[in-house]
Amino acid sequence: MLTKPSILILTVVIGFLWTAHAETDTPLFTEVTAALGFPQTEASWAAGTHALPEVIGSGVALFDYNSDGALDVLHIRFPPPDVGAPAPNRLFQQQPDGTFVDVTETSGIGHDGYGQGVAIGDVDNDGDVDVYVTNYGADVFYRNSGDGTFALEDVGISNEDWGTSATFGDYDSDGDLDLYVANYVQFDAETVCRGKHGVPDYCNPKVFEAATDRLFRNDGNGTFTDVTEQAGIAAMSGRGLGVVCLDLTGDGWADFFVANDGEANHLWVNQTDGTFVEEAILHGLAFNAYGQPEGSMGIAVGDVNDDMLPDLFATHLSGETNTLYIASNHFVFTDMTEIAGFVGRDLPFTGFGCGFLDFDNDAYLDIALVNGRVKRGEILDEADVGEFWNFYAEPNLLFQNSNQPSAHFRDVSSRAPDFTARVEVSRGMAFGDIDRDGDVDMVVSSLDNRLRVFRNDAPPSQHHWLFVQAITQNRDALGARVTLRTESRALTGYVLSGTSYLSSSESSVHFGLGTIDEIQAIEVRWQDGSREKFPGTAANRRVKVYQGKGVPF
């Protein structure tokens, strides 16, 4: 016979098991591309030609181009293989009901080059974000006119090399945004490469000479100056695919971390006088723990272990680990991949777009990434991408932080089948709260110019959240660090749009809060190194903080 305490314990256990089962059965992400009005690609995947640019892919941006408070989507595209017809980039505007309409033609932003990456930033501090698009070929800059349209302008940014990822950031702390462009290789279209058994395949990038990245200084008058040589960036070329702009050395000045393909990564350390010195080896970011270079593609930034320091995650080729670099108090990074928990799962795949996101709002950062080979491999039976691309298609992955101090992750891909079960060749990836419900959604681009939108459907719980938009000089304070002070712990995030791979994400900082329902104070270390404290707030809302309106400390 059960006593009352026994019945109570049994009831609690049954309730816990039922809740755990319900949450396990609830998909974490649901594809809503068609439901939101995005056009569907009906044609089958066109066979590739083994020209290297077509396997690099293209990116996507989540940003509010018309300042109406809702995120819009810019999809960077490139001409399909052997078709010959251009594939203009496409801008989709979010409507009041949450659906999207194509406004490419009316906005004037439909460039039809060989699109690769996109950087978003307000370069003239007028409150409207501008757009820079990298291409296999000449890059383009679009100035936001503030009336829902863009103007293609020559502002002194000339990059004729093969541009991949790019990012805006204020490296000289003068109040306006500068631009760093990662360039890939000096590609020769006449070069033919072969893989196993002499079968034609995409060339190893080392077949071609590395290209030099470019740095453009904002002159504050609407134009830019190429300072690549005088800043020291030209001193070392690399096959760059990813780049972030952030203070990674703790001196309050913005640095540039560049993910290079098949060679040492670069960390361009700001010397505070307009010049940079490459110090990736010194800071532990050049190689993996075994001193080996890897095929680096995408980059994620976040504080995964609650020490208020920026940690980095980089995606790599199959046979290489996706690498987790944990920062120390001396800003020397340590490869902690082997104890992070995702090595055994991600080793067979080639990762590209990636990001830290707290998808379940439990106050611990998780990891999402998309995959797709660049070398011909074994066909996965689940793939439905045409005969040619079946040799390159792979599933995506989702990892949940298990809330351990060492930042240990567990594979929860099976709980997001819409995102992970489809086997394709994915590349760009952007993050943001599209439906403004307090959690982070995802947008992914693939090699056939398809766009997929994934709504965050993590099970409802008692977990709280907060979004912080940090503003300086009438624009997003790219590169700033935001810290929430709570009764139990401090949570840190970074104002960044140019992360992942070839893509740009919402620049407001998302914080999952778990059971924390009150913020005691918001602290910001601005890009110029100054610090301010702002009043606390209740959870589950969006707040804005302005440089100069807080209390210095």
Protein backbone atom coordinates (compact mmCIF):
# COMPACT_ATOMS: atom_id res chain seq x y z
CA MET A 1 0.00 0.00 0.00
CA LEU A 2 1.35 3.42 -0.95
CA THR A 3 1.58 6.09 1.71
CA LYS A 4 0.86 9.75 0.89
CA PRO A 5 4.57 10.66 0.60
CA SER A 6 5.09 7.67 -1.71
CA ILE A 7 2.15 8.72 -3.88
CA LEU A 8 3.49 12.27 -4.02
CA ILE A 9 6.95 11.09 -5.05
CA LEU A 10 5.48 8.75 -7.68
CA THR A 11 3.30 11.55 -9.04
CA VAL A 12 6.28 13.89 -9.31
CA VAL A 13 8.36 11.22 -11.06
CA ILE A 14 5.57 10.39 -13.52
CA GLY A 15 5.03 14.09 -14.16
CA PHE A 16 8.73 14.62 -14.79
CA LEU A 17 8.93 11.66 -17.15
CA TRP A 18 5.83 12.82 -19.05
CA THR A 19 7.25 16.35 -19.39
CA ALA A 20 10.63 15.04 -20.51
CA HIS A 21 8.92 12.75 -23.05
CA ALA A 22 6.73 15.59 -24.32
CA GLU A 23 9.70 17.92 -24.74
CA THR A 24 11.69 15.17 -26.46
CA ASP A 25 8.85 14.61 -28.93
CA THR A 26 8.44 18.32 -29.69
CA PRO A 27 10.56 19.45 -32.68
CA LEU A 28 12.99 22.17 -31.71
CA PHE A 29 12.85 23.83 -35.14
CA THR A 30 10.19 23.76 -37.85
CA GLU A 31 10.72 24.76 -41.46
CA VAL A 32 8.30 27.58 -42.32
CA THR A 33 9.74 28.74 -45.65
CA ALA A 34 6.59 28.20 -47.69
CA ALA A 35 4.25 29.27 -44.88
CA LEU A 36 6.00 32.64 -44.69
CA GLY A 37 5.58 33.26 -48.41
CA PHE A 38 9.10 32.65 -49.67
CA PRO A 39 9.15 31.31 -53.26
CA GLN A 40 9.81 27.63 -53.62
CA THR A 41 12.39 26.30 -56.06
CA GLU A 42 10.66 23.66 -58.14
CA ALA A 43 13.48 22.82 -60.52
CA SER A 44 15.87 20.01 -59.68
CA TRP A 45 19.42 20.81 -58.71
CA ALA A 46 21.50 21.66 -61.78
CA ALA A 47 24.62 19.53 -62.14
CA GLY A 48 27.85 21.30 -61.26
CA THR A 49 30.85 21.88 -63.51
CA HIS A 50 33.56 21.37 -60.85
CA ALA A 51 34.47 25.06 -61.02
CA LEU A 52 35.54 26.05 -57.50
CA PRO A 53 33.31 29.15 -57.10
CA GLU A 54 30.10 27.12 -57.45
CA VAL A 55 30.93 24.89 -54.46
CA ILE A 56 31.76 27.80 -52.14
CA GLY A 57 28.10 28.84 -52.03
CA SER A 58 26.55 32.10 -50.91
CA GLY A 59 25.21 33.79 -47.81
CA VAL A 60 22.09 35.34 -46.35
CA ALA A 61 21.38 38.38 -44.18
CA LEU A 62 18.77 38.99 -41.48
CA PHE A 63 18.37 42.73 -40.91
CA ASP A 64 15.77 45.49 -40.68
CA TYR A 65 16.38 47.39 -43.91
CA ASN A 66 13.38 49.74 -43.60
CA SER A 67 13.53 50.45 -39.84
CA ASP A 68 10.04 49.13 -39.11
CA GLY A 69 11.19 46.88 -36.26
CA ALA A 70 10.83 43.63 -38.22
CA LEU A 71 13.64 41.53 -39.67
CA ASP A 72 13.88 41.27 -43.45
CA VAL A 73 15.88 38.74 -45.50
CA LEU A 74 18.49 39.38 -48.19
CA HIS A 75 19.43 36.23 -50.09
CA ILE A 76 22.75 36.37 -51.95
CA ARG A 77 22.67 34.22 -55.08
CA PHE A 78 24.91 33.13 -57.95
CA PRO A 79 24.26 31.87 -61.51
CA PRO A 80 23.32 28.18 -61.62
CA PRO A 81 25.94 25.98 -63.34
CA ASP A 82 25.66 25.72 -67.14
CA VAL A 83 22.54 27.91 -67.25
CA GLY A 84 24.13 31.19 -68.27
CA ALA A 85 21.26 33.31 -66.95
CA PRO A 86 21.98 35.66 -64.04
CA ALA A 87 20.52 35.03 -60.59
CA PRO A 88 19.92 38.44 -58.96
CA ASN A 89 20.13 38.74 -55.20
CA ARG A 90 16.66 38.91 -53.65
CA LEU A 91 15.33 41.07 -50.82
CA PHE A 92 12.25 39.92 -48.91
CA GLN A 93 10.38 42.37 -46.71
CA GLN A 94 8.52 41.13 -43.65
CA GLN A 95 4.85 42.15 -43.56
CA PRO A 96 2.77 43.01 -40.46
CA ASP A 97 1.30 39.49 -40.49
CA GLY A 98 4.77 37.89 -40.41
CA THR A 99 4.84 36.78 -44.04
CA PHE A 100 7.38 38.03 -46.59
CA VAL A 101 7.09 39.63 -50.02
CA ASP A 102 9.79 40.02 -52.66
CA VAL A 103 10.75 43.73 -52.89
CA THR A 104 13.92 43.24 -54.91
CA GLU A 105 12.79 45.30 -57.86
CA THR A 106 11.26 48.19 -55.92
CA SER A 107 14.20 48.38 -53.49
CA GLY A 108 16.84 48.41 -56.23
CA ILE A 109 19.14 45.91 -54.54
CA GLY A 110 18.96 43.01 -57.00
CA HIS A 111 22.59 42.84 -58.13
CA ASP A 112 23.14 39.97 -60.56
CA GLY A 113 26.85 39.26 -60.13
CA TYR A 114 28.35 36.00 -58.94
CA GLY A 115 27.17 36.55 -55.37
CA GLN A 116 29.10 35.20 -52.39
CA GLY A 117 28.83 37.05 -49.06
CA VAL A 118 27.11 40.02 -47.43
CA ALA A 119 28.01 42.55 -44.73
CA ILE A 120 25.48 44.86 -43.07
CA GLY A 121 26.30 48.16 -41.36
CA ASP A 122 25.30 51.82 -41.18
CA VAL A 123 28.38 53.41 -42.71
CA ASP A 124 27.11 57.02 -42.68
CA ASN A 125 25.49 56.94 -39.20
CA ASP A 126 22.13 58.07 -40.57
CA GLY A 127 20.16 55.31 -38.83
CA ASP A 128 19.65 53.19 -41.97
CA VAL A 129 21.76 50.10 -42.54
CA ASP A 130 23.78 49.83 -45.75
CA VAL A 131 24.77 46.67 -47.63
CA TYR A 132 28.05 45.37 -49.02
CA VAL A 133 28.00 42.29 -51.27
CA THR A 134 31.08 40.25 -52.10
CA ASN A 135 31.34 38.48 -55.43
CA TYR A 136 33.47 36.20 -57.48
CA GLY A 137 34.32 39.34 -59.40
CA ALA A 138 33.90 42.98 -58.43
CA ASP A 139 32.10 43.62 -55.13
CA VAL A 140 29.27 46.14 -54.80
CA PHE A 141 28.08 48.62 -52.16
CA TYR A 142 24.48 49.70 -51.69
CA ARG A 143 23.67 52.82 -49.70
CA ASN A 144 20.32 52.80 -47.93
CA SER A 145 18.31 55.84 -49.02
CA GLY A 146 16.03 55.68 -45.99
CA ASP A 147 12.87 55.42 -48.08
CA GLY A 148 12.83 51.67 -48.72
CA THR A 149 15.28 51.84 -51.61
CA PHE A 150 19.01 51.37 -52.11
CA ALA A 151 21.43 53.14 -54.42
CA LEU A 152 24.38 51.32 -55.97
CA GLU A 153 27.31 53.66 -55.24
CA ASP A 154 31.03 53.92 -55.82
CA VAL A 155 32.35 54.93 -52.40
CA GLY A 156 35.99 54.03 -52.88
CA ILE A 157 35.63 50.35 -52.05
CA SER A 158 37.28 48.51 -54.90
CA ASN A 159 37.83 44.78 -54.54
CA GLU A 160 38.35 42.93 -57.79
CA ASP A 161 39.57 39.74 -56.12
CA TRP A 162 37.37 36.84 -55.11
CA GLY A 163 35.63 38.23 -52.02
CA THR A 164 34.02 35.83 -49.54
CA SER A 165 33.05 36.94 -46.03
CA ALA A 166 33.17 40.61 -45.05
CA THR A 167 32.45 42.55 -41.90
CA PHE A 168 32.00 46.12 -40.74
CA GLY A 169 33.71 47.35 -37.57
CA ASP A 170 35.23 50.52 -36.15
CA TYR A 171 38.89 49.51 -35.95
CA ASP A 172 40.24 53.05 -35.45
CA SER A 173 37.62 54.09 -32.85
CA ASP A 174 36.66 57.25 -34.73
CA GLY A 175 32.92 56.61 -34.54
CA ASP A 176 32.25 55.27 -38.03
CA LEU A 177 32.35 51.78 -39.49
CA ASP A 178 35.28 50.48 -41.51
CA LEU A 179 35.21 47.38 -43.73
CA TYR A 180 37.32 44.22 -43.82
CA VAL A 181 36.94 41.88 -46.84
CA ALA A 182 38.29 38.33 -46.74
CA ASN A 183 39.51 37.21 -50.17
CA TYR A 184 39.94 33.60 -51.20
CA VAL A 185 42.22 32.51 -54.08
CA GLN A 186 43.40 33.66 -57.47
CA PHE A 187 41.19 31.22 -59.33
CA ASP A 188 42.04 29.99 -62.83
CA ALA A 189 38.93 28.65 -64.56
CA GLU A 190 41.05 26.65 -67.01
CA THR A 191 42.52 24.46 -64.25
CA VAL A 192 41.07 20.94 -64.13
CA CYS A 193 41.38 18.81 -61.00
CA ARG A 194 40.57 15.18 -60.31
CA GLY A 195 39.80 13.26 -57.16
CA LYS A 196 39.72 9.57 -56.33
CA HIS A 197 40.06 7.16 -59.25
CA GLY A 198 40.74 10.06 -61.61
CA VAL A 199 37.17 11.34 -61.44
CA PRO A 200 36.81 15.12 -62.02
CA ASP A 201 36.34 16.99 -58.75
CA TYR A 202 36.64 20.43 -57.20
CA CYS A 203 40.22 21.65 -56.83
CA ASN A 204 41.95 21.89 -53.50
CA PRO A 205 42.27 25.67 -52.92
CA LYS A 206 46.02 25.22 -52.49
CA VAL A 207 46.19 24.64 -56.26
CA PHE A 208 45.76 28.41 -56.57
CA GLU A 209 47.69 31.29 -55.06
CA ALA A 210 46.15 32.86 -51.98
CA ALA A 211 44.51 36.25 -52.38
CA THR A 212 45.17 39.24 -50.15
CA ASP A 213 42.41 40.48 -47.88
CA ARG A 214 41.41 44.14 -48.08
CA LEU A 215 40.85 46.74 -45.37
CA PHE A 216 38.93 49.93 -46.14
CA ARG A 217 38.92 52.89 -43.75
CA ASN A 218 35.75 54.95 -43.49
CA ASP A 219 36.76 58.57 -44.07
CA GLY A 220 33.66 59.91 -42.35
CA ASN A 221 32.38 61.72 -45.44
CA GLY A 222 30.59 58.88 -47.19
CA THR A 223 33.70 57.43 -48.84
CA PHE A 224 36.36 54.85 -48.01
CA THR A 225 40.12 54.59 -48.50
CA ASP A 226 41.95 51.33 -49.16
CA VAL A 227 44.49 51.06 -46.31
CA THR A 228 45.43 47.42 -46.85
CA GLU A 229 49.11 48.19 -47.45
CA GLN A 230 49.67 50.87 -44.82
CA ALA A 231 47.73 48.94 -42.17
CA GLY A 232 49.93 45.88 -42.64
CA ILE A 233 47.19 43.51 -43.83
CA ALA A 234 49.01 42.97 -47.12
CA ALA A 235 52.00 41.53 -45.29
CA MET A 236 50.46 38.05 -45.26
CA SER A 237 47.96 36.55 -47.71
CA GLY A 238 45.54 33.77 -46.86
CA ARG A 239 42.68 31.81 -48.36
CA GLY A 240 40.06 33.57 -46.26
CA LEU A 241 36.50 32.29 -45.91
CA GLY A 242 35.29 33.74 -42.60
CA VAL A 243 36.02 36.91 -40.64
CA VAL A 244 34.89 38.62 -37.43
CA CYS A 245 35.76 42.06 -36.02
CA LEU A 246 36.04 42.12 -32.23
CA ASP A 247 38.49 42.94 -29.46
CA LEU A 248 40.12 39.54 -28.96
CA THR A 249 43.16 40.75 -27.01
CA GLY A 250 41.52 42.72 -24.20
CA ASP A 251 42.96 46.16 -24.95
CA GLY A 252 39.69 47.77 -26.04
CA TRP A 253 40.61 47.96 -29.73
CA ALA A 254 39.00 45.92 -32.50
CA ASP A 255 40.97 43.05 -34.02
CA PHE A 256 40.19 40.86 -37.03
CA PHE A 257 40.09 37.07 -36.84
CA VAL A 258 40.15 35.40 -40.27
CA ALA A 259 39.30 31.74 -40.87
CA ASN A 260 41.64 30.51 -43.61
CA ASP A 261 41.05 27.41 -45.69
CA GLY A 262 43.70 24.72 -45.24
CA GLU A 263 46.30 26.96 -43.66
CA ALA A 264 46.96 28.89 -40.46
CA ASN A 265 44.19 31.26 -39.43
CA HIS A 266 45.05 34.94 -39.05
CA LEU A 267 44.55 37.15 -36.02
CA TRP A 268 45.25 40.75 -37.01
CA VAL A 269 45.96 42.49 -33.71
CA ASN A 270 45.23 46.21 -33.61
CA GLN A 271 48.32 48.28 -32.74
CA THR A 272 46.08 51.33 -31.98
CA ASP A 273 47.93 53.49 -34.55
CA GLY A 274 46.11 52.32 -37.66
CA THR A 275 48.31 49.28 -38.18
CA PHE A 276 47.95 45.57 -37.45
CA VAL A 277 50.33 42.71 -36.64
CA GLU A 278 49.43 39.07 -37.31
CA GLU A 279 49.58 37.14 -33.99
CA ALA A 280 47.37 34.06 -34.39
CA ILE A 281 50.08 31.69 -33.19
CA LEU A 282 50.83 33.82 -30.14
CA HIS A 283 47.16 33.80 -29.11
CA GLY A 284 46.49 30.13 -29.89
CA LEU A 285 44.16 30.66 -32.85
CA ALA A 286 46.34 29.68 -35.81
CA PHE A 287 46.08 25.89 -35.51
CA ASN A 288 44.27 23.17 -33.60
CA ALA A 289 45.57 21.60 -30.39
CA TYR A 290 47.97 19.41 -32.39
CA GLY A 291 49.55 22.33 -34.18
CA GLN A 292 47.85 21.51 -37.46
CA PRO A 293 46.12 23.97 -39.80
CA GLU A 294 42.55 23.13 -40.71
CA GLY A 295 40.14 23.99 -43.51
CA SER A 296 38.40 26.79 -41.65
CA MET A 297 35.11 28.17 -42.98
CA GLY A 298 32.51 29.63 -40.59
CA ILE A 299 33.06 31.42 -37.27
CA ALA A 300 30.83 31.73 -34.20
CA VAL A 301 31.52 34.04 -31.23
CA GLY A 302 30.10 33.77 -27.72
CA ASP A 303 30.88 33.35 -24.03
CA VAL A 304 30.16 29.65 -23.54
CA ASN A 305 31.64 29.27 -20.05
CA ASP A 306 30.46 32.40 -18.20
CA ASP A 307 33.86 34.07 -17.78
CA MET A 308 32.92 37.24 -19.71
CA LEU A 309 35.49 36.46 -22.42
CA PRO A 310 34.78 35.78 -26.12
CA ASP A 311 35.14 32.15 -27.15
CA LEU A 312 35.33 31.09 -30.81
CA PHE A 313 33.99 28.15 -32.79
CA ALA A 314 35.17 27.39 -36.33
CA THR A 315 33.78 24.88 -38.82
CA HIS A 316 36.07 22.63 -40.84
CA LEU A 317 36.40 19.91 -43.45
CA SER A 318 35.39 16.29 -42.95
CA GLY A 319 38.11 14.40 -41.13
CA GLU A 320 38.85 17.54 -39.12
CA THR A 321 37.04 18.60 -35.99
CA ASN A 322 34.96 21.71 -35.77
CA THR A 323 37.14 23.54 -33.27
CA LEU A 324 36.14 25.26 -30.02
CA TYR A 325 38.65 27.87 -28.83
CA ILE A 326 38.16 28.93 -25.19
CA ALA A 327 39.67 32.28 -24.12
CA SER A 328 41.77 32.68 -20.99
CA ASN A 329 42.24 35.77 -18.82
CA HIS A 330 45.40 36.54 -20.81
CA PHE A 331 43.50 36.24 -24.11
CA VAL A 332 45.36 33.11 -25.11
CA PHE A 333 42.88 30.67 -26.61
CA THR A 334 42.92 26.93 -25.90
CA ASP A 335 41.52 24.26 -28.20
CA MET A 336 38.96 22.54 -25.94
CA THR A 337 37.31 20.58 -28.73
CA GLU A 338 38.05 17.10 -27.42
CA ILE A 339 36.18 17.63 -24.15
CA ALA A 340 33.35 19.62 -25.73
CA GLY A 341 31.41 16.52 -26.74
CA PHE A 342 30.66 17.06 -30.42
CA VAL A 343 33.81 15.55 -31.94
CA GLY A 344 32.49 12.04 -32.55
CA ARG A 345 29.39 13.36 -34.28
CA ASP A 346 30.74 16.10 -36.55
CA LEU A 347 33.98 14.47 -37.71
CA PRO A 348 32.55 12.93 -40.93
CA PHE A 349 31.02 16.20 -42.13
CA THR A 350 32.20 19.46 -43.72
CA GLY A 351 30.82 22.44 -41.80
CA PHE A 352 30.12 25.93 -43.14
CA GLY A 353 27.57 28.30 -41.60
CA CYS A 354 27.45 28.15 -37.81
CA GLY A 355 26.45 30.05 -34.71
CA PHE A 356 26.18 30.05 -30.95
CA LEU A 357 22.53 30.45 -30.01
CA ASP A 358 20.59 29.75 -26.86
CA PHE A 359 17.69 28.06 -28.64
CA ASP A 360 15.96 26.94 -25.43
CA ASN A 361 16.55 30.17 -23.46
CA ASP A 362 18.14 28.26 -20.57
CA ALA A 363 21.01 30.79 -20.29
CA TYR A 364 23.59 28.51 -21.91
CA LEU A 365 24.78 28.84 -25.52
CA ASP A 366 24.10 25.98 -27.92
CA ILE A 367 25.57 25.35 -31.40
CA ALA A 368 23.89 25.00 -34.80
CA LEU A 369 25.78 24.36 -38.03
CA VAL A 370 25.14 23.41 -41.64
CA ASN A 371 27.15 20.96 -43.70
CA GLY A 372 28.02 20.00 -47.27
CA ARG A 373 31.12 18.50 -48.81
CA VAL A 374 33.55 20.18 -51.17
CA LYS A 375 35.10 16.89 -52.30
CA ARG A 376 33.25 13.97 -53.84
CA GLY A 377 32.29 11.37 -51.22
CA GLU A 378 30.00 8.44 -50.56
CA ILE A 379 26.35 8.96 -51.47
CA LEU A 380 23.93 9.22 -48.56
CA ASP A 381 20.70 7.42 -49.42
CA GLU A 382 18.55 10.14 -47.86
CA ALA A 383 19.78 12.83 -50.25
CA ASP A 384 17.42 14.22 -52.89
CA VAL A 385 19.56 16.77 -54.67
CA GLY A 386 20.15 15.21 -58.06
CA GLU A 387 22.75 12.74 -59.23
CA PHE A 388 25.66 15.19 -59.26
CA TRP A 389 25.18 16.74 -55.81
CA ASN A 390 24.40 13.44 -54.09
CA PHE A 391 28.15 12.99 -53.76
CA TYR A 392 28.39 16.23 -51.75
CA ALA A 393 25.17 16.36 -49.69
CA GLU A 394 25.24 16.05 -45.90
CA PRO A 395 22.85 16.60 -42.97
CA ASN A 396 23.00 19.59 -40.62
CA LEU A 397 23.71 19.35 -36.90
CA LEU A 398 22.37 20.83 -33.66
CA PHE A 399 24.14 20.64 -30.29
CA GLN A 400 22.76 21.58 -26.89
CA ASN A 401 24.93 22.93 -24.10
CA SER A 402 24.64 20.53 -21.17
CA ASN A 403 25.18 23.39 -18.71
CA GLN A 404 28.55 22.25 -17.46
CA PRO A 405 31.36 24.67 -16.57
CA SER A 406 33.55 23.08 -19.25
CA ALA A 407 30.95 23.87 -21.95
CA HIS A 408 30.06 20.31 -22.87
CA PHE A 409 27.64 19.79 -25.76
CA ARG A 410 25.33 16.91 -26.66
CA ASP A 411 23.89 16.09 -30.05
CA VAL A 412 20.15 16.88 -30.23
CA SER A 413 19.91 16.78 -34.02
CA SER A 414 17.21 14.14 -33.85
CA ARG A 415 14.95 16.66 -32.09
CA ALA A 416 15.07 19.05 -35.06
CA PRO A 417 14.33 16.82 -38.07
CA ASP A 418 13.21 19.66 -40.34
CA PHE A 419 16.66 21.21 -39.90
CA THR A 420 18.84 18.10 -39.71
CA ALA A 421 17.13 15.22 -41.54
CA ARG A 422 17.14 16.78 -45.01
CA VAL A 423 20.46 15.98 -46.72
CA GLU A 424 21.59 18.88 -48.92
CA VAL A 425 24.64 21.02 -49.62
CA SER A 426 24.16 23.98 -47.27
CA ARG A 427 26.39 27.02 -46.91
CA GLY A 428 25.26 30.40 -45.52
CA MET A 429 23.43 30.69 -42.20
CA ALA A 430 21.99 33.67 -40.31
CA PHE A 431 20.29 34.01 -36.93
CA GLY A 432 17.62 36.30 -35.51
CA ASP A 433 14.22 36.47 -33.85
CA ILE A 434 12.12 36.65 -37.01
CA ASP A 435 8.71 36.31 -35.34
CA ARG A 436 9.64 38.43 -32.30
CA ASP A 437 8.60 35.78 -29.78
CA GLY A 438 11.80 35.90 -27.72
CA ASP A 439 13.82 33.05 -29.23
CA VAL A 440 16.26 32.75 -32.11
CA ASP A 441 15.23 31.48 -35.54
CA MET A 442 17.53 30.47 -38.42
CA VAL A 443 17.80 31.06 -42.17
CA VAL A 444 19.95 28.82 -44.40
CA SER A 445 21.06 29.06 -48.04
CA SER A 446 22.15 26.09 -50.14
CA LEU A 447 24.04 25.52 -53.38
CA ASP A 448 20.98 25.50 -55.63
CA ASN A 449 20.02 29.02 -54.48
CA ARG A 450 17.36 27.62 -52.17
CA LEU A 451 16.48 29.48 -49.01
CA ARG A 452 15.10 27.71 -45.95
CA VAL A 453 13.67 29.36 -42.84
CA PHE A 454 13.48 27.49 -39.55
CA ARG A 455 11.23 28.73 -36.76
CA ASN A 456 12.34 28.06 -33.21
CA ASP A 457 9.73 25.82 -31.61
CA ALA A 458 11.62 24.80 -28.47
CA PRO A 459 8.99 23.60 -25.97
CA PRO A 460 7.34 26.31 -23.83
CA SER A 461 8.83 26.52 -20.37
CA GLN A 462 9.52 28.93 -17.57
CA HIS A 463 12.65 30.17 -19.31
CA HIS A 464 12.95 33.92 -19.76
CA TRP A 465 14.82 36.04 -22.31
CA LEU A 466 16.05 39.54 -23.11
CA PHE A 467 17.20 41.32 -26.27
CA VAL A 468 19.57 44.28 -25.93
CA GLN A 469 20.20 46.72 -28.79
CA ALA A 470 23.30 48.79 -28.10
CA ILE A 471 23.41 52.04 -30.09
CA THR A 472 26.23 54.49 -30.70
CA GLN A 473 26.49 57.34 -33.19
CA ASN A 474 22.89 56.64 -34.30
CA ARG A 475 23.74 53.05 -35.31
CA ASP A 476 24.28 49.57 -33.88
CA ALA A 477 27.45 49.52 -31.78
CA LEU A 478 29.16 46.71 -33.68
CA GLY A 479 31.93 45.18 -31.58
CA ALA A 480 30.54 46.25 -28.19
CA ARG A 481 30.30 43.81 -25.28
CA VAL A 482 27.05 43.64 -23.32
CA THR A 483 26.90 42.11 -19.83
CA LEU A 484 23.79 41.45 -17.78
CA ARG A 485 24.25 41.55 -14.02
CA THR A 486 21.79 39.32 -12.18
CA GLU A 487 21.48 38.09 -8.62
CA SER A 488 22.97 34.70 -9.49
CA ARG A 489 25.42 35.28 -12.36
CA ALA A 490 26.69 37.54 -15.13
CA LEU A 491 25.76 36.87 -18.77
CA THR A 492 27.81 38.30 -21.64
CA GLY A 493 27.07 38.76 -25.32
CA TYR A 494 28.55 40.67 -28.25
CA VAL A 495 27.08 43.12 -30.75
CA LEU A 496 28.01 41.38 -33.99
CA SER A 497 26.29 40.95 -37.31
CA GLY A 498 29.14 39.62 -39.45
CA THR A 499 29.68 36.09 -38.16
CA SER A 500 28.88 32.57 -39.43
CA TYR A 501 29.81 32.06 -43.11
CA LEU A 502 29.23 34.62 -45.88
CA SER A 503 26.28 35.89 -43.84
CA SER A 504 25.00 38.58 -41.48
CA SER A 505 22.70 38.11 -38.49
CA GLU A 506 20.49 40.30 -36.30
CA SER A 507 22.78 42.66 -34.38
CA SER A 508 20.65 42.90 -31.22
CA VAL A 509 22.13 40.67 -28.51
CA HIS A 510 19.89 37.80 -27.40
CA PHE A 511 20.14 36.45 -23.87
CA GLY A 512 18.39 33.32 -22.69
CA LEU A 513 17.81 33.81 -18.96
CA GLY A 514 16.56 30.46 -17.72
CA THR A 515 14.64 31.12 -14.50
CA ILE A 516 16.14 34.61 -14.07
CA ASP A 517 13.26 37.08 -14.27
CA GLU A 518 14.99 40.31 -13.27
CA ILE A 519 18.14 42.05 -14.50
CA GLN A 520 19.90 44.17 -11.89
CA ALA A 521 22.04 46.16 -14.35
CA ILE A 522 23.17 46.23 -17.97
CA GLU A 523 26.83 46.99 -18.59
CA VAL A 524 28.31 47.88 -21.96
CA ARG A 525 31.92 48.12 -22.97
CA TRP A 526 31.68 50.18 -26.13
CA GLN A 527 33.88 49.71 -29.17
CA ASP A 528 36.06 52.65 -28.13
CA GLY A 529 36.87 50.94 -24.83
CA SER A 530 34.69 53.13 -22.60
CA ARG A 531 32.24 51.50 -20.20
CA GLU A 532 28.80 52.44 -19.01
CA LYS A 533 26.22 50.96 -16.68
CA PHE A 534 22.48 51.14 -17.37
CA PRO A 535 19.49 50.37 -15.12
CA GLY A 536 18.18 46.84 -14.86
CA THR A 537 14.94 45.60 -16.32
CA ALA A 538 12.38 42.85 -16.09
CA ALA A 539 12.78 39.85 -18.39
CA ASN A 540 10.97 39.05 -21.65
CA ARG A 541 11.38 42.34 -23.44
CA ARG A 542 13.58 44.27 -25.85
CA VAL A 543 15.60 47.18 -24.54
CA LYS A 544 17.79 49.82 -26.15
CA VAL A 545 20.85 51.40 -24.54
CA TYR A 546 22.60 54.46 -25.98
CA GLN A 547 26.24 55.38 -25.58
CA GLY A 548 26.53 58.49 -23.45
CA LYS A 549 23.23 57.89 -21.63
CA GLY A 550 24.58 55.52 -18.99
CA VAL A 551 26.80 55.93 -15.92
CA PRO A 552 30.53 55.58 -16.69
CA PHE A 553 32.48 53.10 -14.59
